Structure formats: C-alpha cells, structure tokens
Amino acid sequence: MVRDRGTGRFLYTEQLERRSGETPWEYVRRSVRREAQVREHYDGDTLQVIVGWGVGSVEEFLESHPEYRSQKQRKHDGEQIG
C-alpha cells in the first residue's frame, strides 16, 4: 500500500497472491522484488510505502494498525488523537 503522508489517503494498494506450484521461498523473493519496484515508483518524501504481510484487506490492515488510519476516520471512530 502507498499512503500520502499529508492527507492520509491511500494512493495504491496491491495484494500479491502465491502462484500455483510456487514455493514459499519463490513467493518471498517475488514479493521482495515487487516491494522494491513499488518503492522505486512511489519514491518521495510525502509518500509512505506500507507492507502488510499476512493481511487480507486494507480494512483488516487498518484494524490491526489504527495509527495508519486518516485523522478523519480516527475521529469518526472516537479515537483520541494527539
């Protein structure tokens, strides 16, 4: 996932699936290569690349890591900010 640090909006998300017959080692190698490509493409001080290993969806990731939710969403959920 790629998030804009200023607005908190997600600009890009991707879930890499394990291919049929692919070994865990091959999957990890492909995942790391893809992460490097995404980091290179979305290079910038205002962007943050988030790798959510073992997470099925953006919503699941945000539930697990509430610090990455936007301030508006955090206020709506009643979370104390600051």
Protein backbone atom coordinates (compact mmCIF):
# COMPACT_ATOMS: atom_id res chain seq x y z
CA MET A 1 0.00 0.00 0.00
CA VAL A 2 1.12 3.53 -0.66
CA ARG A 3 -0.19 6.32 1.54
CA ASP A 4 0.11 10.08 1.18
CA ARG A 5 1.56 11.29 4.48
CA GLY A 6 -0.15 14.70 4.25
CA THR A 7 -3.71 13.59 3.61
CA GLY A 8 -3.59 10.03 4.93
CA ARG A 9 -5.20 8.81 1.69
CA PHE A 10 -4.13 5.53 0.15
CA LEU A 11 -2.92 6.07 -3.42
CA TYR A 12 -2.19 2.47 -4.37
CA THR A 13 -2.90 -0.97 -2.94
CA GLU A 14 -1.89 -4.41 -4.12
CA GLN A 15 -2.17 -7.92 -2.76
CA LEU A 16 0.34 -10.38 -4.15
CA GLU A 17 -1.06 -13.90 -4.38
CA ARG A 18 1.04 -17.02 -4.21
CA ARG A 19 1.15 -18.74 -7.60
CA SER A 20 0.20 -22.37 -8.07
CA GLY A 21 3.29 -24.53 -7.54
CA GLU A 22 5.32 -21.62 -6.21
CA THR A 23 7.48 -22.48 -3.20
CA PRO A 24 7.42 -20.23 -0.14
CA TRP A 25 10.97 -19.12 -0.98
CA GLU A 26 9.99 -18.16 -4.54
CA TYR A 27 6.95 -16.27 -3.24
CA VAL A 28 9.07 -14.31 -0.75
CA ARG A 29 11.67 -13.47 -3.41
CA ARG A 30 8.95 -12.27 -5.80
CA SER A 31 7.28 -10.27 -3.02
CA VAL A 32 10.53 -8.51 -2.10
CA ARG A 33 11.22 -7.69 -5.77
CA ARG A 34 7.70 -6.29 -6.18
CA GLU A 35 8.04 -4.23 -3.00
CA ALA A 36 11.29 -2.73 -4.36
CA GLN A 37 9.53 -1.83 -7.63
CA VAL A 38 6.67 -0.13 -5.78
CA ARG A 39 9.10 1.77 -3.52
CA GLU A 40 11.06 2.94 -6.57
CA HIS A 41 7.94 4.03 -8.44
CA TYR A 42 6.40 5.86 -5.47
CA ASP A 43 9.64 7.44 -4.26
CA GLY A 44 9.09 10.70 -2.43
CA ASP A 45 9.17 12.31 0.98
CA THR A 46 5.41 12.79 1.07
CA LEU A 47 4.62 9.13 0.36
CA GLN A 48 4.81 6.10 2.64
CA VAL A 49 5.01 2.51 1.41
CA ILE A 50 3.35 0.08 3.83
CA VAL A 51 3.92 -3.65 3.55
CA GLY A 52 1.13 -5.53 5.30
CA TRP A 53 2.35 -9.11 5.44
CA GLY A 54 -0.37 -11.62 6.27
CA VAL A 55 -3.23 -9.14 5.89
CA GLY A 56 -6.20 -9.95 3.69
CA SER A 57 -7.52 -6.45 3.03
CA VAL A 58 -6.85 -2.77 3.58
CA GLU A 59 -9.63 -2.72 6.17
CA GLU A 60 -8.02 -5.60 8.05
CA PHE A 61 -4.66 -3.82 7.94
CA LEU A 62 -6.20 -0.59 9.28
CA GLU A 63 -7.91 -2.52 12.08
CA SER A 64 -4.60 -4.09 13.04
CA HIS A 65 -2.67 -0.81 12.70
CA PRO A 66 -5.01 2.09 13.64
CA GLU A 67 -2.11 4.56 13.52
CA TYR A 68 -2.33 4.41 9.71
CA ARG A 69 -5.99 5.47 9.56
CA SER A 70 -6.70 9.03 8.46
CA GLN A 71 -7.40 11.61 11.17
CA LYS A 72 -10.97 11.97 9.90
CA GLN A 73 -11.56 8.22 10.20
CA ARG A 74 -9.92 8.11 13.63
CA LYS A 75 -12.14 10.98 14.89
CA HIS A 76 -15.22 9.21 13.49
CA ASP A 77 -14.25 6.04 15.39
CA GLY A 78 -13.88 8.07 18.60
CA GLU A 79 -10.15 7.56 18.90
CA GLN A 80 -8.19 10.16 20.85
CA ILE A 81 -5.75 11.98 18.53
CA GLY A 82 -2.65 13.72 19.71
